[in-house]
Amino acid sequence: MPEIIIKKFSESLENFYFFLIFAAVWYKSKVMFSAPQQVLKNRRRLSALTTLQARIAENNVSANRFSIAKKQTQTLREFFEDLQVEENRIKREIQRIGQKIKRLENSNVDKKDNDNKTDGK
């Protein structure tokens, strides 16, 4: 009786070893690559990384250009705002001068009227 148990145990142990070997081979085939495959995979990764770095550099250049354009736009906006303020100041000054001219004309007309009245007496 113990011989049968030992025989079955050794068979199951052999089956277990076979299973372990099979699992190890299967795992190696799925996870591990041969040296040429690994080199090819690394080259692809390096190529993808280089492409990604180039895109990042292009985006940085675009971002820098955008930032410069944004600053220039802001500078132009400030310039035109200052220009508008100056234009409004000049318009107010012209209106003041125009009002002074009208007052002088009115006072001149009043003086002429007074002179005419005094001459007529």
N, C-alpha and C. Protein backbone atom coordinates (compact mmCIF):
# COMPACT_ATOMS: atom_id res chain seq x y z
N MET A 1 0.81 -1.19 0.00
CA MET A 1 0.00 0.00 0.00
C MET A 1 0.85 1.27 0.00
N PRO A 2 1.88 1.34 0.85
CA PRO A 2 2.71 2.53 0.81
C PRO A 2 3.43 2.68 -0.52
N GLU A 3 3.68 1.59 -1.21
CA GLU A 3 4.35 1.68 -2.52
C GLU A 3 3.45 2.40 -3.52
N ILE A 4 2.16 2.14 -3.48
CA ILE A 4 1.22 2.79 -4.40
C ILE A 4 1.17 4.29 -4.11
N ILE A 5 1.14 4.62 -2.86
CA ILE A 5 1.09 6.03 -2.48
C ILE A 5 2.37 6.74 -2.93
N ILE A 6 3.49 6.08 -2.74
CA ILE A 6 4.77 6.66 -3.15
C ILE A 6 4.80 6.81 -4.66
N LYS A 7 4.31 5.78 -5.38
CA LYS A 7 4.30 5.83 -6.84
C LYS A 7 3.42 6.97 -7.33
N LYS A 8 2.21 7.11 -6.76
CA LYS A 8 1.30 8.19 -7.18
C LYS A 8 1.90 9.56 -6.84
N PHE A 9 2.54 9.64 -5.68
CA PHE A 9 3.16 10.90 -5.29
C PHE A 9 4.28 11.27 -6.25
N SER A 10 5.10 10.28 -6.62
CA SER A 10 6.19 10.57 -7.55
C SER A 10 5.65 10.93 -8.92
N GLU A 11 4.55 10.30 -9.37
CA GLU A 11 3.93 10.67 -10.65
C GLU A 11 3.41 12.11 -10.58
N SER A 12 2.74 12.42 -9.50
CA SER A 12 2.22 13.79 -9.38
C SER A 12 3.37 14.80 -9.27
N LEU A 13 4.47 14.38 -8.64
CA LEU A 13 5.63 15.25 -8.55
C LEU A 13 6.26 15.45 -9.93
N GLU A 14 6.33 14.38 -10.73
CA GLU A 14 6.82 14.49 -12.10
C GLU A 14 5.92 15.41 -12.91
N ASN A 15 4.62 15.23 -12.74
CA ASN A 15 3.67 16.11 -13.45
C ASN A 15 3.86 17.57 -13.02
N PHE A 16 4.08 17.75 -11.73
CA PHE A 16 4.29 19.11 -11.23
C PHE A 16 5.57 19.71 -11.81
N TYR A 17 6.66 18.94 -11.86
CA TYR A 17 7.90 19.42 -12.47
C TYR A 17 7.69 19.75 -13.95
N PHE A 18 6.97 18.86 -14.64
CA PHE A 18 6.68 19.11 -16.05
C PHE A 18 5.91 20.42 -16.19
N PHE A 19 4.93 20.62 -15.32
CA PHE A 19 4.14 21.85 -15.36
C PHE A 19 5.02 23.07 -15.10
N LEU A 20 5.92 22.99 -14.13
CA LEU A 20 6.82 24.10 -13.84
C LEU A 20 7.71 24.43 -15.03
N ILE A 21 8.25 23.39 -15.67
CA ILE A 21 9.10 23.61 -16.84
C ILE A 21 8.30 24.23 -17.97
N PHE A 22 7.10 23.70 -18.20
CA PHE A 22 6.23 24.24 -19.24
C PHE A 22 5.90 25.71 -18.95
N ALA A 23 5.54 26.02 -17.70
CA ALA A 23 5.19 27.39 -17.32
C ALA A 23 6.38 28.32 -17.50
N ALA A 24 7.57 27.86 -17.14
CA ALA A 24 8.76 28.69 -17.27
C ALA A 24 9.06 28.98 -18.74
N VAL A 25 8.95 27.96 -19.59
CA VAL A 25 9.19 28.16 -21.03
C VAL A 25 8.14 29.10 -21.61
N TRP A 26 6.90 28.89 -21.23
CA TRP A 26 5.81 29.75 -21.74
C TRP A 26 6.03 31.19 -21.29
N TYR A 27 6.37 31.40 -20.03
CA TYR A 27 6.60 32.74 -19.49
C TYR A 27 7.76 33.41 -20.20
N LYS A 28 8.83 32.66 -20.43
CA LYS A 28 9.99 33.21 -21.11
C LYS A 28 9.63 33.61 -22.53
N SER A 29 8.83 32.81 -23.20
CA SER A 29 8.46 33.13 -24.58
C SER A 29 7.55 34.36 -24.64
N LYS A 30 6.75 34.58 -23.61
CA LYS A 30 5.84 35.72 -23.62
C LYS A 30 6.52 37.00 -23.13
N VAL A 31 7.37 36.90 -22.15
CA VAL A 31 7.93 38.08 -21.52
C VAL A 31 9.32 38.41 -22.05
N MET A 32 10.15 37.43 -22.16
CA MET A 32 11.53 37.67 -22.55
C MET A 32 11.65 37.66 -24.07
N PHE A 33 12.57 38.43 -24.57
CA PHE A 33 12.83 38.49 -26.00
C PHE A 33 14.25 38.03 -26.25
N SER A 34 14.47 37.61 -27.44
CA SER A 34 15.85 37.27 -27.81
C SER A 34 16.63 38.57 -27.98
N ALA A 35 17.92 38.47 -28.05
CA ALA A 35 18.77 39.67 -28.14
C ALA A 35 18.43 40.52 -29.36
N PRO A 36 18.28 39.94 -30.58
CA PRO A 36 17.94 40.79 -31.73
C PRO A 36 16.57 41.46 -31.57
N GLN A 37 15.62 40.73 -30.99
CA GLN A 37 14.30 41.33 -30.78
C GLN A 37 14.39 42.46 -29.77
N GLN A 38 15.19 42.28 -28.75
CA GLN A 38 15.35 43.31 -27.73
C GLN A 38 16.03 44.55 -28.32
N VAL A 39 17.03 44.33 -29.18
CA VAL A 39 17.71 45.45 -29.84
C VAL A 39 16.72 46.21 -30.72
N LEU A 40 15.91 45.46 -31.48
CA LEU A 40 14.92 46.09 -32.35
C LEU A 40 13.90 46.88 -31.52
N LYS A 41 13.46 46.29 -30.43
CA LYS A 41 12.50 46.96 -29.56
C LYS A 41 13.11 48.24 -28.98
N ASN A 42 14.37 48.17 -28.56
CA ASN A 42 15.04 49.35 -28.01
C ASN A 42 15.22 50.44 -29.07
N ARG A 43 15.52 50.03 -30.31
CA ARG A 43 15.64 51.02 -31.39
C ARG A 43 14.31 51.72 -31.64
N ARG A 44 13.23 50.94 -31.62
CA ARG A 44 11.90 51.54 -31.81
C ARG A 44 11.59 52.52 -30.69
N ARG A 45 11.92 52.12 -29.48
CA ARG A 45 11.68 53.01 -28.34
C ARG A 45 12.51 54.28 -28.47
N LEU A 46 13.76 54.14 -28.87
CA LEU A 46 14.63 55.29 -29.03
C LEU A 46 14.11 56.21 -30.14
N SER A 47 13.64 55.60 -31.23
CA SER A 47 13.09 56.39 -32.32
C SER A 47 11.84 57.15 -31.86
N ALA A 48 10.97 56.45 -31.12
CA ALA A 48 9.77 57.11 -30.60
C ALA A 48 10.14 58.23 -29.63
N LEU A 49 11.15 57.98 -28.81
CA LEU A 49 11.60 59.00 -27.86
C LEU A 49 12.18 60.21 -28.58
N THR A 50 12.96 59.96 -29.62
CA THR A 50 13.53 61.06 -30.41
C THR A 50 12.43 61.88 -31.07
N THR A 51 11.44 61.18 -31.63
CA THR A 51 10.30 61.88 -32.25
C THR A 51 9.56 62.72 -31.22
N LEU A 52 9.36 62.14 -30.06
CA LEU A 52 8.67 62.86 -28.99
C LEU A 52 9.46 64.10 -28.55
N GLN A 53 10.78 63.95 -28.44
CA GLN A 53 11.61 65.10 -28.07
C GLN A 53 11.55 66.19 -29.13
N ALA A 54 11.52 65.78 -30.41
CA ALA A 54 11.42 66.76 -31.49
C ALA A 54 10.09 67.51 -31.42
N ARG A 55 9.02 66.77 -31.14
CA ARG A 55 7.70 67.42 -31.01
C ARG A 55 7.68 68.39 -29.84
N ILE A 56 8.29 67.98 -28.73
CA ILE A 56 8.34 68.86 -27.56
C ILE A 56 9.12 70.13 -27.90
N ALA A 57 10.23 69.97 -28.62
CA ALA A 57 11.03 71.14 -29.02
C ALA A 57 10.22 72.05 -29.93
N GLU A 58 9.49 71.46 -30.90
CA GLU A 58 8.65 72.26 -31.79
C GLU A 58 7.58 73.00 -31.00
N ASN A 59 6.97 72.30 -30.04
CA ASN A 59 5.94 72.95 -29.23
C ASN A 59 6.53 74.08 -28.40
N ASN A 60 7.75 73.88 -27.90
CA ASN A 60 8.40 74.95 -27.14
C ASN A 60 8.67 76.17 -28.02
N VAL A 61 9.12 75.91 -29.25
CA VAL A 61 9.37 77.01 -30.19
C VAL A 61 8.06 77.73 -30.49
N SER A 62 7.00 76.94 -30.75
CA SER A 62 5.69 77.54 -31.02
C SER A 62 5.20 78.33 -29.81
N ALA A 63 5.39 77.77 -28.63
CA ALA A 63 4.97 78.46 -27.41
C ALA A 63 5.75 79.75 -27.24
N ASN A 64 7.06 79.71 -27.55
CA ASN A 64 7.87 80.92 -27.44
C ASN A 64 7.41 81.97 -28.44
N ARG A 65 7.13 81.52 -29.68
CA ARG A 65 6.64 82.46 -30.69
C ARG A 65 5.31 83.06 -30.25
N PHE A 66 4.44 82.20 -29.72
CA PHE A 66 3.14 82.67 -29.26
C PHE A 66 3.30 83.67 -28.12
N SER A 67 4.22 83.37 -27.21
CA SER A 67 4.47 84.27 -26.08
C SER A 67 4.99 85.61 -26.57
N ILE A 68 5.90 85.57 -27.53
CA ILE A 68 6.45 86.82 -28.09
C ILE A 68 5.34 87.61 -28.79
N ALA A 69 4.52 86.92 -29.58
CA ALA A 69 3.42 87.59 -30.27
C ALA A 69 2.43 88.18 -29.27
N LYS A 70 2.19 87.44 -28.20
CA LYS A 70 1.28 87.92 -27.16
C LYS A 70 1.83 89.18 -26.51
N LYS A 71 3.13 89.19 -26.21
CA LYS A 71 3.76 90.37 -25.61
C LYS A 71 3.71 91.56 -26.57
N GLN A 72 3.97 91.28 -27.86
CA GLN A 72 3.93 92.35 -28.84
C GLN A 72 2.52 92.91 -28.97
N THR A 73 1.53 92.01 -28.95
CA THR A 73 0.14 92.45 -29.02
C THR A 73 -0.21 93.31 -27.82
N GLN A 74 0.23 92.89 -26.64
CA GLN A 74 -0.02 93.67 -25.43
C GLN A 74 0.65 95.04 -25.52
N THR A 75 1.88 95.07 -26.04
CA THR A 75 2.59 96.33 -26.20
C THR A 75 1.86 97.24 -27.17
N LEU A 76 1.40 96.67 -28.29
CA LEU A 76 0.64 97.47 -29.26
C LEU A 76 -0.67 97.97 -28.65
N ARG A 77 -1.33 97.11 -27.90
CA ARG A 77 -2.59 97.51 -27.25
C ARG A 77 -2.34 98.69 -26.32
N GLU A 78 -1.28 98.59 -25.51
CA GLU A 78 -0.95 99.69 -24.59
C GLU A 78 -0.59 100.95 -25.37
N PHE A 79 0.14 100.80 -26.48
CA PHE A 79 0.51 101.95 -27.31
C PHE A 79 -0.74 102.64 -27.85
N PHE A 80 -1.68 101.84 -28.38
CA PHE A 80 -2.89 102.44 -28.95
C PHE A 80 -3.79 103.03 -27.87
N GLU A 81 -3.78 102.43 -26.67
CA GLU A 81 -4.53 103.03 -25.57
C GLU A 81 -3.93 104.38 -25.20
N ASP A 82 -2.61 104.44 -25.12
CA ASP A 82 -1.93 105.71 -24.84
C ASP A 82 -2.21 106.73 -25.94
N LEU A 83 -2.20 106.25 -27.18
CA LEU A 83 -2.49 107.12 -28.32
C LEU A 83 -3.91 107.67 -28.23
N GLN A 84 -4.85 106.82 -27.83
CA GLN A 84 -6.25 107.24 -27.68
C GLN A 84 -6.37 108.29 -26.57
N VAL A 85 -5.67 108.07 -25.46
CA VAL A 85 -5.69 109.05 -24.37
C VAL A 85 -5.13 110.39 -24.85
N GLU A 86 -4.03 110.32 -25.57
CA GLU A 86 -3.41 111.55 -26.10
C GLU A 86 -4.33 112.25 -27.09
N GLU A 87 -4.99 111.45 -27.94
CA GLU A 87 -5.93 112.02 -28.91
C GLU A 87 -7.08 112.73 -28.19
N ASN A 88 -7.61 112.10 -27.15
CA ASN A 88 -8.70 112.72 -26.38
C ASN A 88 -8.23 114.01 -25.70
N ARG A 89 -6.99 114.00 -25.18
CA ARG A 89 -6.44 115.20 -24.56
C ARG A 89 -6.33 116.34 -25.58
N ILE A 90 -5.85 116.00 -26.78
CA ILE A 90 -5.71 117.01 -27.84
C ILE A 90 -7.08 117.55 -28.25
N LYS A 91 -8.07 116.67 -28.34
CA LYS A 91 -9.43 117.11 -28.69
C LYS A 91 -9.97 118.09 -27.64
N ARG A 92 -9.76 117.75 -26.36
CA ARG A 92 -10.22 118.65 -25.29
C ARG A 92 -9.51 120.00 -25.38
N GLU A 93 -8.22 119.97 -25.67
CA GLU A 93 -7.44 121.21 -25.80
C GLU A 93 -7.96 122.04 -26.98
N ILE A 94 -8.26 121.36 -28.08
CA ILE A 94 -8.81 122.07 -29.26
C ILE A 94 -10.15 122.69 -28.91
N GLN A 95 -10.99 121.95 -28.15
CA GLN A 95 -12.28 122.51 -27.75
C GLN A 95 -12.11 123.74 -26.86
N ARG A 96 -11.16 123.68 -25.93
CA ARG A 96 -10.89 124.84 -25.07
C ARG A 96 -10.44 126.04 -25.90
N ILE A 97 -9.54 125.78 -26.84
CA ILE A 97 -9.06 126.87 -27.71
C ILE A 97 -10.23 127.44 -28.52
N GLY A 98 -11.08 126.52 -29.03
CA GLY A 98 -12.25 126.98 -29.78
C GLY A 98 -13.18 127.83 -28.93
N GLN A 99 -13.39 127.42 -27.67
CA GLN A 99 -14.24 128.20 -26.76
C GLN A 99 -13.62 129.57 -26.48
N LYS A 100 -12.29 129.60 -26.30
CA LYS A 100 -11.61 130.88 -26.07
C LYS A 100 -11.76 131.79 -27.28
N ILE A 101 -11.63 131.19 -28.49
CA ILE A 101 -11.77 131.99 -29.72
C ILE A 101 -13.18 132.55 -29.80
N LYS A 102 -14.19 131.74 -29.48
CA LYS A 102 -15.58 132.22 -29.52
C LYS A 102 -15.78 133.35 -28.51
N ARG A 103 -15.22 133.17 -27.31
CA ARG A 103 -15.35 134.23 -26.30
C ARG A 103 -14.68 135.51 -26.78
N LEU A 104 -13.49 135.36 -27.38
CA LEU A 104 -12.80 136.55 -27.89
C LEU A 104 -13.60 137.20 -29.02
N GLU A 105 -14.16 136.37 -29.92
CA GLU A 105 -14.98 136.93 -31.00
C GLU A 105 -16.20 137.64 -30.43
N ASN A 106 -16.84 136.98 -29.44
CA ASN A 106 -18.02 137.60 -28.83
C ASN A 106 -17.65 138.91 -28.13
N SER A 107 -16.53 138.89 -27.40
CA SER A 107 -16.13 140.12 -26.72
C SER A 107 -15.72 141.18 -27.74
N ASN A 108 -15.11 140.77 -28.84
CA ASN A 108 -14.73 141.69 -29.90
C ASN A 108 -15.98 142.28 -30.55
N VAL A 109 -16.99 141.43 -30.78
CA VAL A 109 -18.24 141.91 -31.37
C VAL A 109 -18.91 142.87 -30.40
N ASP A 110 -18.89 142.52 -29.12
CA ASP A 110 -19.49 143.40 -28.12
C ASP A 110 -18.76 144.74 -28.08
N LYS A 111 -17.44 144.73 -28.18
CA LYS A 111 -16.67 145.97 -28.19
C LYS A 111 -17.03 146.81 -29.41
N LYS A 112 -17.16 146.14 -30.57
CA LYS A 112 -17.52 146.88 -31.78
C LYS A 112 -18.90 147.49 -31.64
N ASP A 113 -19.82 146.70 -31.06
CA ASP A 113 -21.17 147.23 -30.85
C ASP A 113 -21.12 148.43 -29.90
N ASN A 114 -20.32 148.30 -28.85
CA ASN A 114 -20.19 149.41 -27.91
C ASN A 114 -19.53 150.61 -28.59
N ASP A 115 -18.53 150.34 -29.42
CA ASP A 115 -17.86 151.42 -30.14
C ASP A 115 -18.83 152.09 -31.11
N ASN A 116 -19.62 151.28 -31.78
CA ASN A 116 -20.60 151.83 -32.73
C ASN A 116 -21.64 152.65 -31.98
N LYS A 117 -22.03 152.19 -30.82
CA LYS A 117 -23.03 152.92 -30.04
C LYS A 117 -22.44 154.25 -29.55
N THR A 118 -21.20 154.19 -29.11
CA THR A 118 -20.59 155.42 -28.62
C THR A 118 -20.29 156.36 -29.78
N ASP A 119 -19.96 155.83 -30.94
CA ASP A 119 -19.70 156.67 -32.11
C ASP A 119 -21.01 157.30 -32.58
N GLY A 120 -22.08 156.56 -32.43
CA GLY A 120 -23.37 157.05 -32.88
C GLY A 120 -23.94 158.11 -31.97
N LYS A 121 -23.49 158.29 -30.79
CA LYS A 121 -24.02 159.28 -29.87
C LYS A 121 -23.52 160.60 -30.20
